PDB file of N, CA and C in Angstrom:
ATOM      1  N   MET A   1     -11.202  -1.783 -27.964  1.00  0.00           N
ATOM      2  CA  MET A   1     -10.790  -2.206 -26.643  1.00  0.00           C
ATOM      3  C   MET A   1      -9.295  -1.944 -26.457  1.00  0.00           C
ATOM      4  N   LYS A   2      -8.927  -1.467 -25.278  1.00  0.00           N
ATOM      5  CA  LYS A   2      -7.524  -1.160 -25.001  1.00  0.00           C
ATOM      6  C   LYS A   2      -6.736  -2.442 -24.790  1.00  0.00           C
ATOM      7  N   HIS A   3      -5.545  -2.479 -25.346  1.00  0.00           N
ATOM      8  CA  HIS A   3      -4.654  -3.613 -25.139  1.00  0.00           C
ATOM      9  C   HIS A   3      -3.873  -3.372 -23.843  1.00  0.00           C
ATOM     10  N   PRO A   4      -3.715  -4.385 -22.996  1.00  0.00           N
ATOM     11  CA  PRO A   4      -3.025  -4.205 -21.717  1.00  0.00           C
ATOM     12  C   PRO A   4      -1.606  -3.646 -21.849  1.00  0.00           C
ATOM     13  N   VAL A   5      -0.916  -4.000 -22.913  1.00  0.00           N
ATOM     14  CA  VAL A   5       0.444  -3.483 -23.105  1.00  0.00           C
ATOM     15  C   VAL A   5       0.397  -1.983 -23.386  1.00  0.00           C
ATOM     16  N   ASP A   6      -0.562  -1.535 -24.191  1.00  0.00           N
ATOM     17  CA  ASP A   6      -0.696  -0.110 -24.490  1.00  0.00           C
ATOM     18  C   ASP A   6      -1.019   0.674 -23.216  1.00  0.00           C
ATOM     19  N   VAL A   7      -1.864   0.099 -22.371  1.00  0.00           N
ATOM     20  CA  VAL A   7      -2.224   0.746 -21.103  1.00  0.00           C
ATOM     21  C   VAL A   7      -0.992   0.834 -20.207  1.00  0.00           C
ATOM     22  N   HIS A   8      -0.217  -0.246 -20.130  1.00  0.00           N
ATOM     23  CA  HIS A   8       0.989  -0.261 -19.295  1.00  0.00           C
ATOM     24  C   HIS A   8       2.004   0.778 -19.771  1.00  0.00           C
ATOM     25  N   VAL A   9       2.263   0.787 -21.078  1.00  0.00           N
ATOM     26  CA  VAL A   9       3.220   1.755 -21.639  1.00  0.00           C
ATOM     27  C   VAL A   9       2.728   3.179 -21.371  1.00  0.00           C
ATOM     28  N   GLY A  10       1.442   3.415 -21.542  1.00  0.00           N
ATOM     29  CA  GLY A  10       0.881   4.743 -21.285  1.00  0.00           C
ATOM     30  C   GLY A  10       1.050   5.172 -19.837  1.00  0.00           C
ATOM     31  N   LYS A  11       0.837   4.243 -18.922  1.00  0.00           N
ATOM     32  CA  LYS A  11       1.022   4.546 -17.496  1.00  0.00           C
ATOM     33  C   LYS A  11       2.467   4.900 -17.210  1.00  0.00           C
ATOM     34  N   ARG A  12       3.382   4.142 -17.818  1.00  0.00           N
ATOM     35  CA  ARG A  12       4.807   4.404 -17.595  1.00  0.00           C
ATOM     36  C   ARG A  12       5.207   5.766 -18.171  1.00  0.00           C
ATOM     37  N   ILE A  13       4.624   6.166 -19.301  1.00  0.00           N
ATOM     38  CA  ILE A  13       4.890   7.493 -19.862  1.00  0.00           C
ATOM     39  C   ILE A  13       4.410   8.557 -18.873  1.00  0.00           C
ATOM     40  N   ARG A  14       3.163   8.407 -18.403  1.00  0.00           N
ATOM     41  CA  ARG A  14       2.590   9.386 -17.481  1.00  0.00           C
ATOM     42  C   ARG A  14       3.403   9.489 -16.196  1.00  0.00           C
ATOM     43  N   HIS A  15       3.782   8.354 -15.624  1.00  0.00           N
ATOM     44  CA  HIS A  15       4.516   8.377 -14.364  1.00  0.00           C
ATOM     45  C   HIS A  15       5.892   9.007 -14.518  1.00  0.00           C
ATOM     46  N   ARG A  16       6.587   8.689 -15.594  1.00  0.00           N
ATOM     47  CA  ARG A  16       7.914   9.275 -15.811  1.00  0.00           C
ATOM     48  C   ARG A  16       7.790  10.785 -16.072  1.00  0.00           C
ATOM     49  N   ARG A  17       6.793  11.153 -16.871  1.00  0.00           N
ATOM     50  CA  ARG A  17       6.580  12.573 -17.157  1.00  0.00           C
ATOM     51  C   ARG A  17       6.309  13.324 -15.857  1.00  0.00           C
ATOM     52  N   TRP A  18       5.482  12.734 -15.019  1.00  0.00           N
ATOM     53  CA  TRP A  18       5.123  13.365 -13.758  1.00  0.00           C
ATOM     54  C   TRP A  18       6.322  13.441 -12.826  1.00  0.00           C
ATOM     55  N   LEU A  19       7.138  12.380 -12.778  1.00  0.00           N
ATOM     56  CA  LEU A  19       8.315  12.364 -11.909  1.00  0.00           C
ATOM     57  C   LEU A  19       9.328  13.435 -12.279  1.00  0.00           C
ATOM     58  N   VAL A  20       9.461  13.700 -13.571  1.00  0.00           N
ATOM     59  CA  VAL A  20      10.425  14.731 -13.985  1.00  0.00           C
ATOM     60  C   VAL A  20       9.806  16.122 -13.977  1.00  0.00           C
ATOM     61  N   GLY A  21       8.524  16.205 -13.626  1.00  0.00           N
ATOM     62  CA  GLY A  21       7.870  17.508 -13.509  1.00  0.00           C
ATOM     63  C   GLY A  21       7.525  18.153 -14.836  1.00  0.00           C
ATOM     64  N   MET A  22       7.194  17.341 -15.809  1.00  0.00           N
ATOM     65  CA  MET A  22       6.887  17.849 -17.142  1.00  0.00           C
ATOM     66  C   MET A  22       5.377  17.750 -17.390  1.00  0.00           C
ATOM     67  N   THR A  23       4.824  18.754 -18.029  1.00  0.00           N
ATOM     68  CA  THR A  23       3.406  18.717 -18.375  1.00  0.00           C
ATOM     69  C   THR A  23       3.223  17.957 -19.689  1.00  0.00           C
ATOM     70  N   GLN A  24       1.976  17.596 -19.968  1.00  0.00           N
ATOM     71  CA  GLN A  24       1.686  16.952 -21.250  1.00  0.00           C
ATOM     72  C   GLN A  24       2.051  17.880 -22.395  1.00  0.00           C
ATOM     73  N   GLN A  25       1.780  19.146 -22.231  1.00  0.00           N
ATOM     74  CA  GLN A  25       2.088  20.132 -23.276  1.00  0.00           C
ATOM     75  C   GLN A  25       3.595  20.191 -23.535  1.00  0.00           C
ATOM     76  N   GLN A  26       4.380  20.218 -22.466  1.00  0.00           N
ATOM     77  CA  GLN A  26       5.832  20.287 -22.624  1.00  0.00           C
ATOM     78  C   GLN A  26       6.372  19.044 -23.333  1.00  0.00           C
ATOM     79  N   LEU A  27       5.872  17.873 -22.943  1.00  0.00           N
ATOM     80  CA  LEU A  27       6.320  16.645 -23.597  1.00  0.00           C
ATOM     81  C   LEU A  27       5.905  16.641 -25.066  1.00  0.00           C
ATOM     82  N   ALA A  28       4.682  17.059 -25.321  1.00  0.00           N
ATOM     83  CA  ALA A  28       4.185  17.103 -26.695  1.00  0.00           C
ATOM     84  C   ALA A  28       5.064  18.009 -27.562  1.00  0.00           C
ATOM     85  N   GLU A  29       5.438  19.160 -27.025  1.00  0.00           N
ATOM     86  CA  GLU A  29       6.283  20.089 -27.781  1.00  0.00           C
ATOM     87  C   GLU A  29       7.647  19.480 -28.078  1.00  0.00           C
ATOM     88  N   LYS A  30       8.217  18.775 -27.093  1.00  0.00           N
ATOM     89  CA  LYS A  30       9.525  18.148 -27.311  1.00  0.00           C
ATOM     90  C   LYS A  30       9.451  17.061 -28.381  1.00  0.00           C
ATOM     91  N   VAL A  31       8.329  16.346 -28.416  1.00  0.00           N
ATOM     92  CA  VAL A  31       8.171  15.239 -29.350  1.00  0.00           C
ATOM     93  C   VAL A  31       7.661  15.728 -30.706  1.00  0.00           C
ATOM     94  N   GLY A  32       7.018  16.911 -30.723  1.00  0.00           N
ATOM     95  CA  GLY A  32       6.518  17.462 -31.978  1.00  0.00           C
ATOM     96  C   GLY A  32       5.104  17.025 -32.314  1.00  0.00           C
ATOM     97  N   ILE A  33       4.282  16.846 -31.285  1.00  0.00           N
ATOM     98  CA  ILE A  33       2.882  16.470 -31.486  1.00  0.00           C
ATOM     99  C   ILE A  33       1.999  17.339 -30.597  1.00  0.00           C
ATOM    100  N   LYS A  34       0.700  17.150 -30.668  1.00  0.00           N
ATOM    101  CA  LYS A  34      -0.230  17.893 -29.826  1.00  0.00           C
ATOM    102  C   LYS A  34      -0.406  17.177 -28.493  1.00  0.00           C
ATOM    103  N   PHE A  35      -0.703  17.956 -27.439  1.00  0.00           N
ATOM    104  CA  PHE A  35      -0.812  17.362 -26.114  1.00  0.00           C
ATOM    105  C   PHE A  35      -1.947  16.351 -26.029  1.00  0.00           C
ATOM    106  N   GLN A  36      -2.970  16.500 -26.881  1.00  0.00           N
ATOM    107  CA  GLN A  36      -4.076  15.544 -26.870  1.00  0.00           C
ATOM    108  C   GLN A  36      -3.588  14.132 -27.230  1.00  0.00           C
ATOM    109  N   GLN A  37      -2.573  14.083 -28.088  1.00  0.00           N
ATOM    110  CA  GLN A  37      -2.018  12.777 -28.464  1.00  0.00           C
ATOM    111  C   GLN A  37      -1.303  12.154 -27.271  1.00  0.00           C
ATOM    112  N   ILE A  38      -0.622  12.968 -26.490  1.00  0.00           N
ATOM    113  CA  ILE A  38       0.025  12.458 -25.269  1.00  0.00           C
ATOM    114  C   ILE A  38      -1.042  11.904 -24.335  1.00  0.00           C
ATOM    115  N   GLN A  39      -2.170  12.615 -24.209  1.00  0.00           N
ATOM    116  CA  GLN A  39      -3.281  12.131 -23.368  1.00  0.00           C
ATOM    117  C   GLN A  39      -3.743  10.756 -23.846  1.00  0.00           C
ATOM    118  N   LYS A  40      -3.884  10.595 -25.132  1.00  0.00           N
ATOM    119  CA  LYS A  40      -4.347   9.317 -25.681  1.00  0.00           C
ATOM    120  C   LYS A  40      -3.332   8.203 -25.442  1.00  0.00           C
ATOM    121  N   TYR A  41      -2.039   8.523 -25.551  1.00  0.00           N
ATOM    122  CA  TYR A  41      -1.014   7.532 -25.259  1.00  0.00           C
ATOM    123  C   TYR A  41      -1.070   7.126 -23.787  1.00  0.00           C
ATOM    124  N   GLU A  42      -1.187   8.123 -22.910  1.00  0.00           N
ATOM    125  CA  GLU A  42      -1.144   7.860 -21.477  1.00  0.00           C
ATOM    126  C   GLU A  42      -2.333   7.042 -20.986  1.00  0.00           C
ATOM    127  N   THR A  43      -3.446   7.118 -21.655  1.00  0.00           N
ATOM    128  CA  THR A  43      -4.615   6.331 -21.262  1.00  0.00           C
ATOM    129  C   THR A  43      -4.663   4.986 -21.981  1.00  0.00           C
ATOM    130  N   GLY A  44      -3.794   4.786 -22.949  1.00  0.00           N
ATOM    131  CA  GLY A  44      -3.790   3.545 -23.703  1.00  0.00           C
ATOM    132  C   GLY A  44      -4.802   3.535 -24.831  1.00  0.00           C
ATOM    133  N   MET A  45      -5.464   4.669 -25.074  1.00  0.00           N
ATOM    134  CA  MET A  45      -6.442   4.741 -26.166  1.00  0.00           C
ATOM    135  C   MET A  45      -5.761   4.602 -27.530  1.00  0.00           C
ATOM    136  N   ASN A  46      -4.574   5.173 -27.657  1.00  0.00           N
ATOM    137  CA  ASN A  46      -3.805   5.061 -28.896  1.00  0.00           C
ATOM    138  C   ASN A  46      -2.497   4.336 -28.614  1.00  0.00           C
ATOM    139  N   ARG A  47      -2.086   3.520 -29.559  1.00  0.00           N
ATOM    140  CA  ARG A  47      -0.802   2.844 -29.456  1.00  0.00           C
ATOM    141  C   ARG A  47       0.312   3.813 -29.828  1.00  0.00           C
ATOM    142  N   VAL A  48       1.453   3.618 -29.185  1.00  0.00           N
ATOM    143  CA  VAL A  48       2.621   4.444 -29.475  1.00  0.00           C
ATOM    144  C   VAL A  48       3.492   3.681 -30.463  1.00  0.00           C
ATOM    145  N   SER A  49       3.787   4.303 -31.591  1.00  0.00           N
ATOM    146  CA  SER A  49       4.663   3.652 -32.570  1.00  0.00           C
ATOM    147  C   SER A  49       6.083   3.580 -32.011  1.00  0.00           C
ATOM    148  N   ALA A  50       6.890   2.716 -32.592  1.00  0.00           N
ATOM    149  CA  ALA A  50       8.268   2.538 -32.130  1.00  0.00           C
ATOM    150  C   ALA A  50       9.055   3.842 -32.218  1.00  0.00           C
ATOM    151  N   SER A  51       8.929   4.547 -33.332  1.00  0.00           N
ATOM    152  CA  SER A  51       9.695   5.791 -33.493  1.00  0.00           C
ATOM    153  C   SER A  51       9.212   6.865 -32.521  1.00  0.00           C
ATOM    154  N   ARG A  52       7.910   6.914 -32.268  1.00  0.00           N
ATOM    155  CA  ARG A  52       7.379   7.898 -31.328  1.00  0.00           C
ATOM    156  C   ARG A  52       7.811   7.558 -29.896  1.00  0.00           C
ATOM    157  N   LEU A  53       7.815   6.261 -29.572  1.00  0.00           N
ATOM    158  CA  LEU A  53       8.253   5.840 -28.245  1.00  0.00           C
ATOM    159  C   LEU A  53       9.726   6.186 -28.045  1.00  0.00           C
ATOM    160  N   TRP A  54      10.497   6.066 -29.103  1.00  0.00           N
ATOM    161  CA  TRP A  54      11.910   6.444 -29.062  1.00  0.00           C
ATOM    162  C   TRP A  54      12.043   7.935 -28.737  1.00  0.00           C
ATOM    163  N   ASP A  55      11.255   8.765 -29.403  1.00  0.00           N
ATOM    164  CA  ASP A  55      11.290  10.209 -29.156  1.00  0.00           C
ATOM    165  C   ASP A  55      10.845  10.552 -27.728  1.00  0.00           C
ATOM    166  N   ILE A  56       9.812   9.870 -27.254  1.00  0.00           N
ATOM    167  CA  ILE A  56       9.317  10.105 -25.896  1.00  0.00           C
ATOM    168  C   ILE A  56      10.373   9.696 -24.882  1.00  0.00           C
ATOM    169  N   ALA A  57      10.985   8.538 -25.090  1.00  0.00           N
ATOM    170  CA  ALA A  57      12.038   8.069 -24.184  1.00  0.00           C
ATOM    171  C   ALA A  57      13.187   9.067 -24.133  1.00  0.00           C
ATOM    172  N   SER A  58      13.570   9.566 -25.289  1.00  0.00           N
ATOM    173  CA  SER A  58      14.647  10.550 -25.354  1.00  0.00           C
ATOM    174  C   SER A  58      14.264  11.829 -24.612  1.00  0.00           C
ATOM    175  N   SER A  59      13.031  12.274 -24.785  1.00  0.00           N
ATOM    176  CA  SER A  59      12.559  13.492 -24.128  1.00  0.00           C
ATOM    177  C   SER A  59      12.465  13.338 -22.616  1.00  0.00           C
ATOM    178  N   LEU A  60      12.209  12.110 -22.162  1.00  0.00           N
ATOM    179  CA  LEU A  60      12.066  11.854 -20.726  1.00  0.00           C
ATOM    180  C   LEU A  60      13.349  11.279 -20.112  1.00  0.00           C
ATOM    181  N   SER A  61      14.408  11.189 -20.910  1.00  0.00           N
ATOM    182  CA  SER A  61      15.729  10.723 -20.465  1.00  0.00           C
ATOM    183  C   SER A  61      15.706   9.318 -19.863  1.00  0.00           C
ATOM    184  N   VAL A  62      15.040   8.407 -20.558  1.00  0.00           N
ATOM    185  CA  VAL A  62      15.028   7.003 -20.143  1.00  0.00           C
ATOM    186  C   VAL A  62      15.222   6.132 -21.376  1.00  0.00           C
ATOM    187  N   PRO A  63      15.693   4.884 -21.185  1.00  0.00           N
ATOM    188  CA  PRO A  63      15.761   3.970 -22.335  1.00  0.00           C
ATOM    189  C   PRO A  63      14.354   3.510 -22.705  1.00  0.00           C
ATOM    190  N   VAL A  64      14.147   3.094 -23.932  1.00  0.00           N
ATOM    191  CA  VAL A  64      12.842   2.630 -24.386  1.00  0.00           C
ATOM    192  C   VAL A  64      12.357   1.471 -23.517  1.00  0.00           C
ATOM    193  N   SER A  65      13.273   0.642 -23.062  1.00  0.00           N
ATOM    194  CA  SER A  65      12.901  -0.519 -22.237  1.00  0.00           C
ATOM    195  C   SER A  65      12.202  -0.111 -20.939  1.00  0.00           C
ATOM    196  N   PHE A  66      12.418   1.127 -20.493  1.00  0.00           N
ATOM    197  CA  PHE A  66      11.780   1.618 -19.274  1.00  0.00           C
ATOM    198  C   PHE A  66      10.263   1.460 -19.329  1.00  0.00           C
ATOM    199  N   PHE A  67       9.690   1.676 -20.495  1.00  0.00           N
ATOM    200  CA  PHE A  67       8.241   1.657 -20.634  1.00  0.00           C
ATOM    201  C   PHE A  67       7.652   0.255 -20.539  1.00  0.00           C
ATOM    202  N   PHE A  68       8.504  -0.770 -20.650  1.00  0.00           N
ATOM    203  CA  PHE A  68       8.036  -2.146 -20.585  1.00  0.00           C
ATOM    204  C   PHE A  68       8.376  -2.823 -19.258  1.00  0.00           C
ATOM    205  N   GLU A  69       9.132  -2.118 -18.404  1.00  0.00           N
ATOM    206  CA  GLU A  69       9.497  -2.692 -17.110  1.00  0.00           C
ATOM    207  C   GLU A  69       8.247  -2.979 -16.293  1.00  0.00           C
ATOM    208  N   GLY A  70       8.256  -4.123 -15.636  1.00  0.00           N
ATOM    209  CA  GLY A  70       7.140  -4.500 -14.780  1.00  0.00           C
ATOM    210  C   GLY A  70       5.967  -5.099 -15.519  1.00  0.00           C
ATOM    211  N   LEU A  71       6.057  -5.230 -16.817  1.00  0.00           N
ATOM    212  CA  LEU A  71       4.937  -5.741 -17.605  1.00  0.00           C
ATOM    213  C   LEU A  71       4.638  -7.194 -17.267  1.00  0.00           C
ATOM    214  N   ALA A  72       5.662  -8.037 -17.201  1.00  0.00           N
ATOM    215  CA  ALA A  72       5.451  -9.450 -16.865  1.00  0.00           C
ATOM    216  C   ALA A  72       4.991  -9.590 -15.422  1.00  0.00           C
ATOM    217  N   ALA A  73       5.530  -8.780 -14.529  1.00  0.00           N
ATOM    218  CA  ALA A  73       5.153  -8.845 -13.110  1.00  0.00           C
ATOM    219  C   ALA A  73       3.721  -8.401 -12.897  1.00  0.00           C
ATOM    220  N   GLN A  74       3.187  -7.634 -13.826  1.00  0.00           N
ATOM    221  CA  GLN A  74       1.823  -7.137 -13.707  1.00  0.00           C
ATOM    222  C   GLN A  74       0.827  -8.294 -13.732  1.00  0.00           C
ATOM    223  N   GLU A  75       1.209  -9.391 -14.366  1.00  0.00           N
ATOM    224  CA  GLU A  75       0.331 -10.544 -14.440  1.00  0.00           C
ATOM    225  C   GLU A  75       0.240 -11.260 -13.096  1.00  0.00           C
ATOM    226  N   THR A  76       1.257 -11.094 -12.245  1.00  0.00           N
ATOM    227  CA  THR A  76       1.266 -11.719 -10.937  1.00  0.00           C
ATOM    228  C   THR A  76       0.628 -10.767  -9.943  1.00  0.00           C
ATOM    229  N   VAL A  77      -0.412 -11.223  -9.281  1.00  0.00           N
ATOM    230  CA  VAL A  77      -1.079 -10.375  -8.291  1.00  0.00           C
ATOM    231  C   VAL A  77      -0.404 -10.590  -6.957  1.00  0.00           C
ATOM    232  N   LEU A  78       0.109  -9.534  -6.400  1.00  0.00           N
ATOM    233  CA  LEU A  78       0.767  -9.612  -5.107  1.00  0.00           C
ATOM    234  C   LEU A  78      -0.210  -9.227  -4.011  1.00  0.00           C
ATOM    235  N   GLU A  79      -0.286 -10.052  -3.006  1.00  0.00           N
ATOM    236  CA  GLU A  79      -1.155  -9.767  -1.872  1.00  0.00           C
ATOM    237  C   GLU A  79      -0.353  -8.957  -0.859  1.00  0.00           C
ATOM    238  N   PRO A  80      -0.905  -7.844  -0.370  1.00  0.00           N
ATOM    239  CA  PRO A  80      -0.181  -7.093   0.656  1.00  0.00           C
ATOM    240  C   PRO A  80      -0.117  -7.908   1.939  1.00  0.00           C
ATOM    241  N   THR A  81       0.989  -7.798   2.645  1.00  0.00           N
ATOM    242  CA  THR A  81       1.121  -8.522   3.898  1.00  0.00           C
ATOM    243  C   THR A  81       0.324  -7.813   4.976  1.00  0.00           C
ATOM    244  N   GLU A  82       0.009  -8.538   6.023  1.00  0.00           N
ATOM    245  CA  GLU A  82      -0.805  -7.981   7.103  1.00  0.00           C
ATOM    246  C   GLU A  82      -0.103  -6.770   7.719  1.00  0.00           C
ATOM    247  N   GLY A  83      -0.866  -5.733   7.964  1.00  0.00           N
ATOM    248  CA  GLY A  83      -0.315  -4.528   8.576  1.00  0.00           C
ATOM    249  C   GLY A  83       0.204  -3.526   7.566  1.00  0.00           C
ATOM    250  N   GLN A  84       0.302  -3.908   6.291  1.00  0.00           N
ATOM    251  CA  GLN A  84       0.769  -2.980   5.269  1.00  0.00           C
ATOM    252  C   GLN A  84      -0.427  -2.404   4.532  1.00  0.00           C
ATOM    253  N   ASP A  85      -0.395  -1.117   4.337  1.00  0.00           N
ATOM    254  CA  ASP A  85      -1.462  -0.445   3.603  1.00  0.00           C
ATOM    255  C   ASP A  85      -0.854   0.182   2.357  1.00  0.00           C
ATOM    256  N   VAL A  86      -0.248  -0.662   1.516  1.00  0.00           N
ATOM    257  CA  VAL A  86       0.446  -0.205   0.317  1.00  0.00           C
ATOM    258  C   VAL A  86      -0.382  -0.599  -0.895  1.00  0.00           C
ATOM    259  N   PRO A  87      -0.706   0.353  -1.764  1.00  0.00           N
ATOM    260  CA  PRO A  87      -1.460   0.003  -2.967  1.00  0.00           C
ATOM    261  C   PRO A  87      -0.667  -0.957  -3.845  1.00  0.00           C
ATOM    262  N   LEU A  88      -1.371  -1.865  -4.524  1.00  0.00           N
ATOM    263  CA  LEU A  88      -0.692  -2.812  -5.401  1.00  0.00           C
ATOM    264  C   LEU A  88       0.038  -2.095  -6.529  1.00  0.00           C
ATOM    265  N   ASP A  89      -0.535  -1.024  -7.052  1.00  0.00           N
ATOM    266  CA  ASP A  89       0.131  -0.228  -8.085  1.00  0.00           C
ATOM    267  C   ASP A  89       0.482   1.123  -7.478  1.00  0.00           C
ATOM    268  N   ILE A  90       1.605   1.162  -6.790  1.00  0.00           N
ATOM    269  CA  ILE A  90       2.019   2.360  -6.057  1.00  0.00           C
ATOM    270  C   ILE A  90       2.196   3.556  -6.983  1.00  0.00           C
ATOM    271  N   LEU A  91       2.474   3.294  -8.268  1.00  0.00           N
ATOM    272  CA  LEU A  91       2.682   4.401  -9.191  1.00  0.00           C
ATOM    273  C   LEU A  91       1.388   5.126  -9.537  1.00  0.00           C
ATOM    274  N   LYS A  92       0.238   4.572  -9.154  1.00  0.00           N
ATOM    275  CA  LYS A  92      -1.028   5.263  -9.377  1.00  0.00           C
ATOM    276  C   LYS A  92      -1.291   6.307  -8.301  1.00  0.00           C
ATOM    277  N   ASP A  93      -0.582   6.220  -7.199  1.00  0.00           N
ATOM    278  CA  ASP A  93      -0.797   7.101  -6.056  1.00  0.00           C
ATOM    279  C   ASP A  93       0.006   8.384  -6.237  1.00  0.00           C
ATOM    280  N   LYS A  94      -0.709   9.502  -6.445  1.00  0.00           N
ATOM    281  CA  LYS A  94      -0.026  10.779  -6.685  1.00  0.00           C
ATOM    282  C   LYS A  94       0.842  11.186  -5.505  1.00  0.00           C
ATOM    283  N   GLU A  95       0.362  10.921  -4.295  1.00  0.00           N
ATOM    284  CA  GLU A  95       1.124  11.269  -3.100  1.00  0.00           C
ATOM    285  C   GLU A  95       2.449  10.506  -3.077  1.00  0.00           C
ATOM    286  N   ALA A  96       2.416   9.225  -3.433  1.00  0.00           N
ATOM    287  CA  ALA A  96       3.633   8.419  -3.454  1.00  0.00           C
ATOM    288  C   ALA A  96       4.603   8.945  -4.513  1.00  0.00           C
ATOM    289  N   LEU A  97       4.085   9.311  -5.665  1.00  0.00           N
ATOM    290  CA  LEU A  97       4.955   9.851  -6.718  1.00  0.00           C
ATOM    291  C   LEU A  97       5.576  11.173  -6.297  1.00  0.00           C
ATOM    292  N   GLU A  98       4.789  12.011  -5.647  1.00  0.00           N
ATOM    293  CA  GLU A  98       5.317  13.290  -5.173  1.00  0.00           C
ATOM    294  C   GLU A  98       6.389  13.067  -4.106  1.00  0.00           C
ATOM    295  N   LEU A  99       6.158  12.082  -3.239  1.00  0.00           N
ATOM    296  CA  LEU A  99       7.139  11.744  -2.214  1.00  0.00           C
ATOM    297  C   LEU A  99       8.444  11.275  -2.850  1.00  0.00           C
ATOM    298  N   VAL A 100       8.351  10.443  -3.869  1.00  0.00           N
ATOM    299  CA  VAL A 100       9.544   9.948  -4.553  1.00  0.00           C
ATOM    300  C   VAL A 100      10.288  11.094  -5.235  1.00  0.00           C
ATOM    301  N   ARG A 101       9.545  11.971  -5.884  1.00  0.00           N
ATOM    302  CA  ARG A 101      10.185  13.107  -6.554  1.00  0.00           C
ATOM    303  C   ARG A 101      10.886  14.001  -5.534  1.00  0.00           C
ATOM    304  N   SER A 102      10.249  14.273  -4.417  1.00  0.00           N
ATOM    305  CA  SER A 102      10.844  15.090  -3.359  1.00  0.00           C
ATOM    306  C   SER A 102      12.064  14.398  -2.759  1.00  0.00           C
ATOM    307  N   TYR A 103      11.954  13.099  -2.570  1.00  0.00           N
ATOM    308  CA  TYR A 103      13.042  12.305  -1.999  1.00  0.00           C
ATOM    309  C   TYR A 103      14.308  12.443  -2.846  1.00  0.00           C
ATOM    310  N   TYR A 104      14.158  12.319  -4.151  1.00  0.00           N
ATOM    311  CA  TYR A 104      15.331  12.402  -5.022  1.00  0.00           C
ATOM    312  C   TYR A 104      15.836  13.829  -5.229  1.00  0.00           C
ATOM    313  N   ALA A 105      15.087  14.809  -4.779  1.00  0.00           N
ATOM    314  CA  ALA A 105      15.554  16.196  -4.840  1.00  0.00           C
ATOM    315  C   ALA A 105      16.476  16.519  -3.665  1.00  0.00           C
ATOM    316  N   ILE A 106      16.495  15.653  -2.661  1.00  0.00           N
ATOM    317  CA  ILE A 106      17.338  15.845  -1.471  1.00  0.00           C
ATOM    318  C   ILE A 106      18.754  15.366  -1.794  1.00  0.00           C
ATOM    319  N   PRO A 107      19.779  16.074  -1.303  1.00  0.00           N
ATOM    320  CA  PRO A 107      21.156  15.607  -1.521  1.00  0.00           C
ATOM    321  C   PRO A 107      21.351  14.177  -0.993  1.00  0.00           C
ATOM    322  N   GLU A 108      22.238  13.424  -1.646  1.00  0.00           N
ATOM    323  CA  GLU A 108      22.367  11.989  -1.381  1.00  0.00           C
ATOM    324  C   GLU A 108      22.642  11.641   0.079  1.00  0.00           C
ATOM    325  N   THR A 109      23.534  12.354   0.735  1.00  0.00           N
ATOM    326  CA  THR A 109      23.843  12.004   2.130  1.00  0.00           C
ATOM    327  C   THR A 109      22.625  12.196   3.033  1.00  0.00           C
ATOM    328  N   GLN A 110      21.908  13.281   2.831  1.00  0.00           N
ATOM    329  CA  GLN A 110      20.699  13.516   3.620  1.00  0.00           C
ATOM    330  C   GLN A 110      19.608  12.511   3.244  1.00  0.00           C
ATOM    331  N   ARG A 111      19.567  12.135   1.973  1.00  0.00           N
ATOM    332  CA  ARG A 111      18.576  11.173   1.506  1.00  0.00           C
ATOM    333  C   ARG A 111      18.780   9.818   2.182  1.00  0.00           C
ATOM    334  N   ARG A 112      20.036   9.384   2.337  1.00  0.00           N
ATOM    335  CA  ARG A 112      20.321   8.110   3.009  1.00  0.00           C
ATOM    336  C   ARG A 112      19.857   8.167   4.465  1.00  0.00           C
ATOM    337  N   ARG A 113      20.100   9.299   5.115  1.00  0.00           N
ATOM    338  CA  ARG A 113      19.662   9.447   6.514  1.00  0.00           C
ATOM    339  C   ARG A 113      18.140   9.401   6.610  1.00  0.00           C
ATOM    340  N   LEU A 114      17.473  10.061   5.694  1.00  0.00           N
ATOM    341  CA  LEU A 114      16.017  10.046   5.680  1.00  0.00           C
ATOM    342  C   LEU A 114      15.493   8.633   5.444  1.00  0.00           C
ATOM    343  N   PHE A 115      16.147   7.907   4.562  1.00  0.00           N
ATOM    344  CA  PHE A 115      15.756   6.530   4.281  1.00  0.00           C
ATOM    345  C   PHE A 115      15.871   5.677   5.542  1.00  0.00           C
ATOM    346  N   GLU A 116      16.991   5.807   6.241  1.00  0.00           N
ATOM    347  CA  GLU A 116      17.186   5.032   7.473  1.00  0.00           C
ATOM    348  C   GLU A 116      16.157   5.421   8.524  1.00  0.00           C
ATOM    349  N   LEU A 117      15.841   6.714   8.630  1.00  0.00           N
ATOM    350  CA  LEU A 117      14.830   7.169   9.571  1.00  0.00           C
ATOM    351  C   LEU A 117      13.469   6.558   9.234  1.00  0.00           C
ATOM    352  N   ALA A 118      13.112   6.558   7.959  1.00  0.00           N
ATOM    353  CA  ALA A 118      11.832   5.984   7.537  1.00  0.00           C
ATOM    354  C   ALA A 118      11.791   4.490   7.841  1.00  0.00           C
ATOM    355  N   ARG A 119      12.884   3.809   7.616  1.00  0.00           N
ATOM    356  CA  ARG A 119      12.951   2.370   7.915  1.00  0.00           C
ATOM    357  C   ARG A 119      12.727   2.122   9.410  1.00  0.00           C
ATOM    358  N   VAL A 120      13.381   2.906  10.257  1.00  0.00           N
ATOM    359  CA  VAL A 120      13.240   2.746  11.709  1.00  0.00           C
ATOM    360  C   VAL A 120      11.801   3.047  12.130  1.00  0.00           C
ATOM    361  N   LEU A 121      11.234   4.134  11.612  1.00  0.00           N
ATOM    362  CA  LEU A 121       9.876   4.498  11.965  1.00  0.00           C
ATOM    363  C   LEU A 121       8.869   3.428  11.521  1.00  0.00           C
ATOM    364  N   SER A 122       9.089   2.838  10.365  1.00  0.00           N
ATOM    365  CA  SER A 122       8.154   1.802   9.907  1.00  0.00           C
ATOM    366  C   SER A 122       8.277   0.532  10.745  1.00  0.00           C
ATOM    367  N   ASP A 123       9.467   0.247  11.251  1.00  0.00           N
ATOM    368  CA  ASP A 123       9.644  -0.920  12.128  1.00  0.00           C
ATOM    369  C   ASP A 123       8.953  -0.721  13.468  1.00  0.00           C
ATOM    370  N   VAL A 124       8.927   0.525  13.953  1.00  0.00           N
ATOM    371  CA  VAL A 124       8.311   0.844  15.238  1.00  0.00           C
ATOM    372  C   VAL A 124       6.794   0.854  15.139  1.00  0.00           C
ATOM    373  N   ALA A 125       6.287   1.271  13.967  1.00  0.00           N
ATOM    374  CA  ALA A 125       4.825   1.407  13.800  1.00  0.00           C
ATOM    375  C   ALA A 125       4.093   0.153  13.808  1.00  0.00           C
TER     376      ALA A 125
END
């Protein structure tokens, strides 16, 4: 049976890998393992050892603590407010992840303007 912490860490590995535009194969090569092992980590089927998590964090340019962020909050179920159609686990939505990746590819000044535009449009909707 999968442990919830292993599943959470695996999801965080997958989401970070996807955000930086890296394939499982590329991450596996950087870490020195086979891509099938990355698949097992990402699904929570296999636990990630401390040293391996360190290597993965280094390869994905994040601190090790990144993989544990949101773990305690995961126990709290948040109810969406009326009128919002936001998934509870937004990181599972590929479209949302692609939007975030595209957003951060925009220069900062234009990104702030886009953010303000999105805020105004959501208030009007």
